[in-house]
Amino acid sequence: MARLTWRRVTFVAAAVSVIGWLVATQILRSGSSPAPVPWTVPPVLLVAGALALRLGWRVKQFVDGKRPSLDPLQAARTAMFAQASAYAGAALAGAYLGYAVALLPDWSHPPRREVIIAALIAMAAAALLCAAGWLAEHWCAAGGDDKPPKPSGSTAGIAPG
């Protein structure tokens, strides 16, 4: 499993933001009213981020040798969940940002202003989910990169016997 990079996460957020803005702009131009952002979105994203941090902390304790009873398969699943949380948070943050930016011309209209504010709050919660997933994935790293070590010495390249 490849480690997270800020470049990839930022690319996901930026690409989804542009796509979200384009789609929302087209929908608004067709005369549709903007859909409200459910108030449950930010708490759900924050709970998912807290779960990623909690599970990631358990793996960090395992990596540090303070929790030897943790199943390595559970540690690998936690790393995958953390990475998925980071990417999902980046995508959702981009989508909500694009939606809010598409609605900005209507800021003076109070009902639309409420939708913009709700979208920005959801974007902030999604960014926190991304950060939590990033940190949890960092905690799951056992040190070094994921590449297997290269053989060295005079026996390198000689098949065992």
N, C-alpha and C. Protein backbone atom coordinates (compact mmCIF):
# COMPACT_ATOMS: atom_id res chain seq x y z
N MET A 1 0.85 -1.17 0.00
CA MET A 1 0.00 0.00 0.00
C MET A 1 0.90 1.23 0.00
N ALA A 2 0.66 2.11 -0.95
CA ALA A 2 1.46 3.34 -1.06
C ALA A 2 1.04 4.34 0.00
N ARG A 3 2.00 5.03 0.55
CA ARG A 3 1.72 6.05 1.57
C ARG A 3 1.01 7.24 0.95
N LEU A 4 0.26 7.93 1.77
CA LEU A 4 -0.40 9.17 1.34
C LEU A 4 0.63 10.24 1.04
N THR A 5 0.34 11.04 0.05
CA THR A 5 1.16 12.22 -0.20
C THR A 5 0.24 13.42 -0.26
N TRP A 6 0.75 14.56 0.19
CA TRP A 6 -0.05 15.77 0.15
C TRP A 6 -0.41 16.13 -1.29
N ARG A 7 0.44 15.81 -2.22
CA ARG A 7 0.19 16.13 -3.62
C ARG A 7 -1.08 15.42 -4.12
N ARG A 8 -1.19 14.13 -3.83
CA ARG A 8 -2.37 13.38 -4.27
C ARG A 8 -3.64 13.85 -3.57
N VAL A 9 -3.56 14.06 -2.26
CA VAL A 9 -4.73 14.50 -1.50
C VAL A 9 -5.18 15.88 -1.97
N THR A 10 -4.23 16.78 -2.20
CA THR A 10 -4.56 18.12 -2.68
C THR A 10 -5.15 18.05 -4.09
N PHE A 11 -4.62 17.19 -4.92
CA PHE A 11 -5.15 17.03 -6.26
C PHE A 11 -6.60 16.57 -6.22
N VAL A 12 -6.90 15.60 -5.37
CA VAL A 12 -8.27 15.11 -5.24
C VAL A 12 -9.20 16.24 -4.81
N ALA A 13 -8.79 16.99 -3.78
CA ALA A 13 -9.62 18.10 -3.30
C ALA A 13 -9.83 19.15 -4.38
N ALA A 14 -8.78 19.50 -5.09
CA ALA A 14 -8.89 20.54 -6.12
C ALA A 14 -9.74 20.07 -7.30
N ALA A 15 -9.51 18.85 -7.75
CA ALA A 15 -10.27 18.33 -8.89
C ALA A 15 -11.76 18.23 -8.56
N VAL A 16 -12.08 17.71 -7.40
CA VAL A 16 -13.49 17.57 -7.02
C VAL A 16 -14.12 18.94 -6.79
N SER A 17 -13.33 19.89 -6.31
CA SER A 17 -13.84 21.25 -6.11
C SER A 17 -14.25 21.87 -7.44
N VAL A 18 -13.40 21.73 -8.43
CA VAL A 18 -13.72 22.28 -9.76
C VAL A 18 -14.94 21.57 -10.35
N ILE A 19 -14.97 20.26 -10.26
CA ILE A 19 -16.11 19.50 -10.78
C ILE A 19 -17.39 19.88 -10.03
N GLY A 20 -17.30 20.00 -8.71
CA GLY A 20 -18.46 20.39 -7.92
C GLY A 20 -18.97 21.77 -8.28
N TRP A 21 -18.04 22.69 -8.50
CA TRP A 21 -18.43 24.04 -8.90
C TRP A 21 -19.12 24.02 -10.26
N LEU A 22 -18.54 23.29 -11.22
CA LEU A 22 -19.15 23.21 -12.56
C LEU A 22 -20.55 22.61 -12.51
N VAL A 23 -20.70 21.52 -11.80
CA VAL A 23 -22.01 20.85 -11.72
C VAL A 23 -23.02 21.75 -11.02
N ALA A 24 -22.64 22.33 -9.89
CA ALA A 24 -23.56 23.19 -9.15
C ALA A 24 -23.95 24.42 -9.97
N THR A 25 -22.99 24.98 -10.68
CA THR A 25 -23.28 26.14 -11.52
C THR A 25 -24.29 25.79 -12.61
N GLN A 26 -24.10 24.65 -13.25
CA GLN A 26 -25.03 24.23 -14.30
C GLN A 26 -26.42 23.97 -13.74
N ILE A 27 -26.49 23.35 -12.58
CA ILE A 27 -27.79 23.06 -11.97
C ILE A 27 -28.50 24.36 -11.59
N LEU A 28 -27.76 25.31 -11.04
CA LEU A 28 -28.35 26.59 -10.66
C LEU A 28 -28.79 27.39 -11.88
N ARG A 29 -28.02 27.32 -12.96
CA ARG A 29 -28.39 28.03 -14.20
C ARG A 29 -29.65 27.45 -14.83
N SER A 30 -29.91 26.19 -14.57
CA SER A 30 -31.12 25.57 -15.14
C SER A 30 -32.37 25.98 -14.38
N GLY A 31 -32.19 26.73 -13.29
CA GLY A 31 -33.35 27.23 -12.55
C GLY A 31 -33.67 26.46 -11.29
N SER A 32 -32.91 25.45 -10.98
CA SER A 32 -33.16 24.66 -9.77
C SER A 32 -32.74 25.42 -8.53
N SER A 33 -33.42 25.15 -7.45
CA SER A 33 -33.03 25.74 -6.16
C SER A 33 -31.90 24.91 -5.59
N PRO A 34 -30.99 25.55 -4.85
CA PRO A 34 -29.89 24.78 -4.26
C PRO A 34 -30.40 23.83 -3.17
N ALA A 35 -29.85 22.66 -3.17
CA ALA A 35 -30.21 21.67 -2.14
C ALA A 35 -29.54 22.05 -0.83
N PRO A 36 -30.26 21.97 0.27
CA PRO A 36 -29.64 22.28 1.55
C PRO A 36 -28.65 21.18 1.95
N VAL A 37 -27.64 21.58 2.69
CA VAL A 37 -26.68 20.61 3.21
C VAL A 37 -27.25 20.09 4.53
N PRO A 38 -27.45 18.79 4.67
CA PRO A 38 -28.03 18.26 5.91
C PRO A 38 -27.17 18.62 7.12
N TRP A 39 -27.81 18.95 8.22
CA TRP A 39 -27.08 19.33 9.43
C TRP A 39 -26.33 18.14 10.02
N THR A 40 -26.67 16.93 9.60
CA THR A 40 -26.00 15.74 10.13
C THR A 40 -24.64 15.48 9.50
N VAL A 41 -24.34 16.15 8.39
CA VAL A 41 -23.08 15.89 7.69
C VAL A 41 -21.86 16.20 8.56
N PRO A 42 -21.73 17.41 9.13
CA PRO A 42 -20.53 17.68 9.93
C PRO A 42 -20.32 16.73 11.11
N PRO A 43 -21.37 16.43 11.92
CA PRO A 43 -21.12 15.49 13.02
C PRO A 43 -20.68 14.10 12.56
N VAL A 44 -21.27 13.62 11.47
CA VAL A 44 -20.88 12.29 10.97
C VAL A 44 -19.42 12.30 10.51
N LEU A 45 -19.01 13.35 9.82
CA LEU A 45 -17.61 13.44 9.37
C LEU A 45 -16.66 13.54 10.56
N LEU A 46 -17.05 14.29 11.58
CA LEU A 46 -16.20 14.41 12.76
C LEU A 46 -16.10 13.10 13.53
N VAL A 47 -17.19 12.35 13.60
CA VAL A 47 -17.16 11.04 14.27
C VAL A 47 -16.26 10.08 13.49
N ALA A 48 -16.35 10.11 12.17
CA ALA A 48 -15.48 9.25 11.35
C ALA A 48 -14.01 9.62 11.56
N GLY A 49 -13.72 10.91 11.64
CA GLY A 49 -12.35 11.35 11.90
C GLY A 49 -11.87 10.91 13.27
N ALA A 50 -12.74 11.04 14.28
CA ALA A 50 -12.38 10.61 15.63
C ALA A 50 -12.12 9.10 15.66
N LEU A 51 -12.92 8.34 14.92
CA LEU A 51 -12.70 6.89 14.85
C LEU A 51 -11.37 6.56 14.19
N ALA A 52 -11.05 7.27 13.12
CA ALA A 52 -9.75 7.05 12.45
C ALA A 52 -8.61 7.34 13.42
N LEU A 53 -8.72 8.43 14.17
CA LEU A 53 -7.67 8.76 15.14
C LEU A 53 -7.58 7.72 16.25
N ARG A 54 -8.72 7.27 16.74
CA ARG A 54 -8.71 6.27 17.83
C ARG A 54 -8.06 4.97 17.38
N LEU A 55 -8.48 4.49 16.21
CA LEU A 55 -7.90 3.25 15.70
C LEU A 55 -6.43 3.44 15.34
N GLY A 56 -6.11 4.59 14.76
CA GLY A 56 -4.71 4.86 14.42
C GLY A 56 -3.83 4.93 15.65
N TRP A 57 -4.35 5.48 16.75
CA TRP A 57 -3.57 5.55 17.99
C TRP A 57 -3.27 4.16 18.52
N ARG A 58 -4.25 3.24 18.41
CA ARG A 58 -4.02 1.86 18.85
C ARG A 58 -2.89 1.24 18.03
N VAL A 59 -2.87 1.50 16.74
CA VAL A 59 -1.81 0.96 15.89
C VAL A 59 -0.47 1.61 16.22
N LYS A 60 -0.48 2.90 16.51
CA LYS A 60 0.76 3.58 16.91
C LYS A 60 1.33 2.92 18.17
N GLN A 61 0.46 2.61 19.11
CA GLN A 61 0.91 1.93 20.32
C GLN A 61 1.51 0.56 19.97
N PHE A 62 0.91 -0.13 19.01
CA PHE A 62 1.42 -1.41 18.56
C PHE A 62 2.80 -1.26 17.91
N VAL A 63 2.93 -0.26 17.04
CA VAL A 63 4.20 -0.01 16.35
C VAL A 63 5.28 0.36 17.35
N ASP A 64 4.91 1.11 18.38
CA ASP A 64 5.87 1.52 19.41
C ASP A 64 6.19 0.40 20.40
N GLY A 65 5.51 -0.75 20.28
CA GLY A 65 5.77 -1.87 21.16
C GLY A 65 5.01 -1.82 22.47
N LYS A 66 4.07 -0.91 22.60
CA LYS A 66 3.32 -0.76 23.84
C LYS A 66 2.02 -1.56 23.85
N ARG A 67 1.67 -2.16 22.73
CA ARG A 67 0.44 -2.96 22.63
C ARG A 67 0.75 -4.18 21.76
N PRO A 68 1.44 -5.16 22.31
CA PRO A 68 1.84 -6.30 21.48
C PRO A 68 0.69 -7.23 21.11
N SER A 69 -0.47 -7.08 21.72
CA SER A 69 -1.56 -8.01 21.46
C SER A 69 -2.42 -7.62 20.25
N LEU A 70 -2.12 -6.52 19.60
CA LEU A 70 -2.91 -6.10 18.45
C LEU A 70 -2.63 -7.01 17.26
N ASP A 71 -3.70 -7.42 16.60
CA ASP A 71 -3.59 -8.27 15.42
C ASP A 71 -3.01 -7.45 14.26
N PRO A 72 -1.94 -7.91 13.62
CA PRO A 72 -1.36 -7.16 12.50
C PRO A 72 -2.35 -6.93 11.35
N LEU A 73 -3.29 -7.86 11.15
CA LEU A 73 -4.29 -7.67 10.11
C LEU A 73 -5.19 -6.48 10.47
N GLN A 74 -5.52 -6.33 11.74
CA GLN A 74 -6.31 -5.18 12.18
C GLN A 74 -5.52 -3.89 11.97
N ALA A 75 -4.22 -3.93 12.18
CA ALA A 75 -3.39 -2.76 11.94
C ALA A 75 -3.40 -2.38 10.46
N ALA A 76 -3.33 -3.37 9.60
CA ALA A 76 -3.37 -3.09 8.15
C ALA A 76 -4.73 -2.54 7.74
N ARG A 77 -5.79 -3.08 8.30
CA ARG A 77 -7.12 -2.56 8.00
C ARG A 77 -7.28 -1.12 8.49
N THR A 78 -6.70 -0.84 9.63
CA THR A 78 -6.76 0.52 10.16
C THR A 78 -6.02 1.48 9.23
N ALA A 79 -4.87 1.08 8.73
CA ALA A 79 -4.13 1.93 7.80
C ALA A 79 -4.95 2.19 6.54
N MET A 80 -5.65 1.17 6.05
CA MET A 80 -6.49 1.35 4.86
C MET A 80 -7.67 2.26 5.17
N PHE A 81 -8.28 2.10 6.35
CA PHE A 81 -9.38 2.98 6.75
C PHE A 81 -8.90 4.43 6.88
N ALA A 82 -7.72 4.60 7.43
CA ALA A 82 -7.17 5.95 7.58
C ALA A 82 -6.93 6.60 6.22
N GLN A 83 -6.39 5.84 5.31
CA GLN A 83 -6.15 6.37 3.97
C GLN A 83 -7.47 6.69 3.26
N ALA A 84 -8.44 5.81 3.41
CA ALA A 84 -9.75 6.07 2.80
C ALA A 84 -10.40 7.31 3.42
N SER A 85 -10.22 7.49 4.72
CA SER A 85 -10.76 8.67 5.39
C SER A 85 -10.11 9.94 4.85
N ALA A 86 -8.82 9.90 4.63
CA ALA A 86 -8.12 11.08 4.11
C ALA A 86 -8.61 11.42 2.70
N TYR A 87 -8.73 10.42 1.84
CA TYR A 87 -9.19 10.68 0.48
C TYR A 87 -10.66 11.10 0.46
N ALA A 88 -11.50 10.46 1.27
CA ALA A 88 -12.92 10.83 1.31
C ALA A 88 -13.07 12.25 1.87
N GLY A 89 -12.31 12.57 2.89
CA GLY A 89 -12.36 13.92 3.43
C GLY A 89 -11.93 14.96 2.41
N ALA A 90 -10.90 14.67 1.66
CA ALA A 90 -10.43 15.60 0.62
C ALA A 90 -11.49 15.77 -0.46
N ALA A 91 -12.09 14.66 -0.89
CA ALA A 91 -13.12 14.74 -1.93
C ALA A 91 -14.34 15.50 -1.44
N LEU A 92 -14.78 15.22 -0.23
CA LEU A 92 -15.95 15.92 0.29
C LEU A 92 -15.66 17.40 0.54
N ALA A 93 -14.47 17.70 1.04
CA ALA A 93 -14.11 19.11 1.24
C ALA A 93 -14.13 19.84 -0.09
N GLY A 94 -13.60 19.22 -1.13
CA GLY A 94 -13.63 19.84 -2.45
C GLY A 94 -15.04 20.01 -2.99
N ALA A 95 -15.88 19.00 -2.79
CA ALA A 95 -17.25 19.08 -3.28
C ALA A 95 -18.03 20.20 -2.58
N TYR A 96 -17.91 20.27 -1.27
CA TYR A 96 -18.62 21.32 -0.54
C TYR A 96 -18.06 22.70 -0.84
N LEU A 97 -16.76 22.80 -1.05
CA LEU A 97 -16.19 24.08 -1.42
C LEU A 97 -16.70 24.53 -2.79
N GLY A 98 -16.70 23.63 -3.75
CA GLY A 98 -17.20 23.95 -5.08
C GLY A 98 -18.66 24.37 -5.04
N TYR A 99 -19.45 23.70 -4.22
CA TYR A 99 -20.87 24.03 -4.07
C TYR A 99 -21.04 25.43 -3.48
N ALA A 100 -20.26 25.72 -2.44
CA ALA A 100 -20.35 27.03 -1.79
C ALA A 100 -19.92 28.14 -2.75
N VAL A 101 -18.86 27.91 -3.49
CA VAL A 101 -18.36 28.93 -4.43
C VAL A 101 -19.40 29.18 -5.53
N ALA A 102 -20.07 28.13 -5.98
CA ALA A 102 -21.10 28.30 -7.01
C ALA A 102 -22.26 29.15 -6.50
N LEU A 103 -22.53 29.08 -5.21
CA LEU A 103 -23.64 29.85 -4.62
C LEU A 103 -23.24 31.25 -4.18
N LEU A 104 -21.96 31.56 -4.14
CA LEU A 104 -21.50 32.87 -3.64
C LEU A 104 -22.16 34.09 -4.31
N PRO A 105 -22.45 34.06 -5.60
CA PRO A 105 -23.11 35.24 -6.19
C PRO A 105 -24.47 35.55 -5.55
N ASP A 106 -25.07 34.58 -4.89
CA ASP A 106 -26.38 34.77 -4.25
C ASP A 106 -26.25 35.02 -2.75
N TRP A 107 -25.11 35.49 -2.28
CA TRP A 107 -24.86 35.69 -0.85
C TRP A 107 -25.90 36.63 -0.22
N SER A 108 -26.39 37.61 -0.95
CA SER A 108 -27.33 38.57 -0.38
C SER A 108 -28.72 37.98 -0.14
N HIS A 109 -28.99 36.81 -0.69
CA HIS A 109 -30.28 36.14 -0.49
C HIS A 109 -30.16 35.27 0.75
N PRO A 110 -30.86 35.60 1.86
CA PRO A 110 -30.66 34.89 3.13
C PRO A 110 -30.79 33.37 3.08
N PRO A 111 -31.80 32.78 2.40
CA PRO A 111 -31.85 31.32 2.37
C PRO A 111 -30.64 30.69 1.68
N ARG A 112 -30.16 31.32 0.63
CA ARG A 112 -28.98 30.78 -0.05
C ARG A 112 -27.72 31.01 0.77
N ARG A 113 -27.68 32.12 1.51
CA ARG A 113 -26.55 32.37 2.40
C ARG A 113 -26.45 31.26 3.45
N GLU A 114 -27.60 30.80 3.95
CA GLU A 114 -27.60 29.70 4.92
C GLU A 114 -27.04 28.42 4.30
N VAL A 115 -27.36 28.18 3.05
CA VAL A 115 -26.82 26.99 2.36
C VAL A 115 -25.32 27.13 2.18
N ILE A 116 -24.86 28.33 1.84
CA ILE A 116 -23.42 28.56 1.67
C ILE A 116 -22.70 28.31 3.00
N ILE A 117 -23.23 28.86 4.08
CA ILE A 117 -22.60 28.69 5.39
C ILE A 117 -22.59 27.22 5.79
N ALA A 118 -23.71 26.52 5.56
CA ALA A 118 -23.76 25.08 5.87
C ALA A 118 -22.75 24.30 5.05
N ALA A 119 -22.60 24.67 3.76
CA ALA A 119 -21.62 23.99 2.91
C ALA A 119 -20.20 24.25 3.39
N LEU A 120 -19.92 25.47 3.84
CA LEU A 120 -18.58 25.78 4.35
C LEU A 120 -18.29 25.06 5.67
N ILE A 121 -19.31 24.92 6.51
CA ILE A 121 -19.13 24.16 7.76
C ILE A 121 -18.87 22.69 7.43
N ALA A 122 -19.63 22.13 6.48
CA ALA A 122 -19.41 20.75 6.06
C ALA A 122 -18.03 20.59 5.43
N MET A 123 -17.58 21.60 4.67
CA MET A 123 -16.24 21.55 4.09
C MET A 123 -15.18 21.51 5.18
N ALA A 124 -15.35 22.32 6.23
CA ALA A 124 -14.38 22.32 7.33
C ALA A 124 -14.36 20.97 8.03
N ALA A 125 -15.52 20.37 8.25
CA ALA A 125 -15.57 19.05 8.88
C ALA A 125 -14.91 18.00 7.99
N ALA A 126 -15.12 18.10 6.68
CA ALA A 126 -14.47 17.16 5.76
C ALA A 126 -12.96 17.35 5.75
N ALA A 127 -12.51 18.59 5.85
CA ALA A 127 -11.06 18.84 5.92
C ALA A 127 -10.49 18.24 7.20
N LEU A 128 -11.23 18.31 8.29
CA LEU A 128 -10.78 17.69 9.54
C LEU A 128 -10.73 16.17 9.41
N LEU A 129 -11.70 15.59 8.70
CA LEU A 129 -11.67 14.14 8.43
C LEU A 129 -10.41 13.79 7.63
N CYS A 130 -10.10 14.60 6.64
CA CYS A 130 -8.90 14.38 5.83
C CYS A 130 -7.65 14.43 6.70
N ALA A 131 -7.57 15.44 7.56
CA ALA A 131 -6.40 15.58 8.43
C ALA A 131 -6.30 14.42 9.42
N ALA A 132 -7.44 13.99 9.96
CA ALA A 132 -7.44 12.87 10.89
C ALA A 132 -6.99 11.59 10.19
N GLY A 133 -7.48 11.37 8.98
CA GLY A 133 -7.05 10.19 8.22
C GLY A 133 -5.58 10.24 7.91
N TRP A 134 -5.08 11.43 7.57
CA TRP A 134 -3.66 11.61 7.28
C TRP A 134 -2.81 11.26 8.50
N LEU A 135 -3.20 11.79 9.66
CA LEU A 135 -2.44 11.55 10.89
C LEU A 135 -2.50 10.09 11.29
N ALA A 136 -3.69 9.49 11.20
CA ALA A 136 -3.83 8.08 11.56
C ALA A 136 -2.99 7.20 10.63
N GLU A 137 -2.98 7.52 9.34
CA GLU A 137 -2.16 6.75 8.40
C GLU A 137 -0.67 6.91 8.73
N HIS A 138 -0.30 8.10 9.14
CA HIS A 138 1.09 8.34 9.55
C HIS A 138 1.44 7.50 10.77
N TRP A 139 0.53 7.40 11.71
CA TRP A 139 0.76 6.59 12.90
C TRP A 139 0.88 5.11 12.57
N CYS A 140 0.22 4.67 11.51
CA CYS A 140 0.23 3.25 11.15
C CYS A 140 1.52 2.83 10.46
N ALA A 141 2.33 3.78 10.04
CA ALA A 141 3.57 3.44 9.35
C ALA A 141 4.55 2.82 10.34
N ALA A 142 5.12 1.73 9.95
CA ALA A 142 6.06 1.03 10.82
C ALA A 142 7.48 1.56 10.66
N GLY A 143 7.61 2.67 9.98
CA GLY A 143 8.95 3.24 9.77
C GLY A 143 9.47 2.85 8.41
N GLY A 144 10.12 3.79 7.75
CA GLY A 144 10.66 3.52 6.42
C GLY A 144 9.56 3.51 5.39
N ASP A 145 9.91 3.11 4.17
CA ASP A 145 8.90 3.05 3.13
C ASP A 145 8.41 1.63 2.97
N ASP A 146 7.50 1.43 2.03
CA ASP A 146 6.89 0.12 1.83
C ASP A 146 7.67 -0.77 0.87
N LYS A 147 8.84 -0.34 0.42
CA LYS A 147 9.61 -1.14 -0.51
C LYS A 147 10.38 -2.22 0.26
N PRO A 148 10.47 -3.42 -0.30
CA PRO A 148 11.25 -4.46 0.38
C PRO A 148 12.73 -4.10 0.38
N PRO A 149 13.46 -4.51 1.40
CA PRO A 149 14.88 -4.19 1.45
C PRO A 149 15.64 -4.88 0.32
N LYS A 150 16.63 -4.18 -0.20
CA LYS A 150 17.46 -4.75 -1.26
C LYS A 150 18.55 -5.60 -0.62
N PRO A 151 18.84 -6.76 -1.21
CA PRO A 151 19.92 -7.57 -0.67
C PRO A 151 21.26 -6.88 -0.87
N SER A 152 22.16 -7.08 0.07
CA SER A 152 23.47 -6.47 -0.06
C SER A 152 24.55 -7.50 0.26
N GLY A 153 25.76 -7.13 0.00
CA GLY A 153 26.86 -8.03 0.30
C GLY A 153 27.22 -8.90 -0.88
N SER A 154 28.14 -9.83 -0.66
CA SER A 154 28.65 -10.67 -1.74
C SER A 154 27.67 -11.74 -2.17
N THR A 155 26.64 -12.01 -1.35
CA THR A 155 25.69 -13.06 -1.72
C THR A 155 24.49 -12.50 -2.46
N ALA A 156 24.50 -11.20 -2.75
CA ALA A 156 23.38 -10.60 -3.45
C ALA A 156 23.25 -11.22 -4.84
N GLY A 157 22.05 -11.63 -5.18
CA GLY A 157 21.79 -12.18 -6.50
C GLY A 157 22.11 -13.67 -6.60
N ILE A 158 22.59 -14.31 -5.55
CA ILE A 158 22.88 -15.74 -5.59
C ILE A 158 21.72 -16.47 -4.95
N ALA A 159 21.17 -17.41 -5.67
CA ALA A 159 20.04 -18.19 -5.16
C ALA A 159 20.53 -19.13 -4.07
N PRO A 160 19.73 -19.29 -3.01
CA PRO A 160 20.14 -20.23 -1.96
C PRO A 160 20.16 -21.66 -2.49
N GLY A 161 21.07 -22.40 -1.99
CA GLY A 161 21.29 -23.62 -2.36
C GLY A 161 21.08 -24.91 -2.53
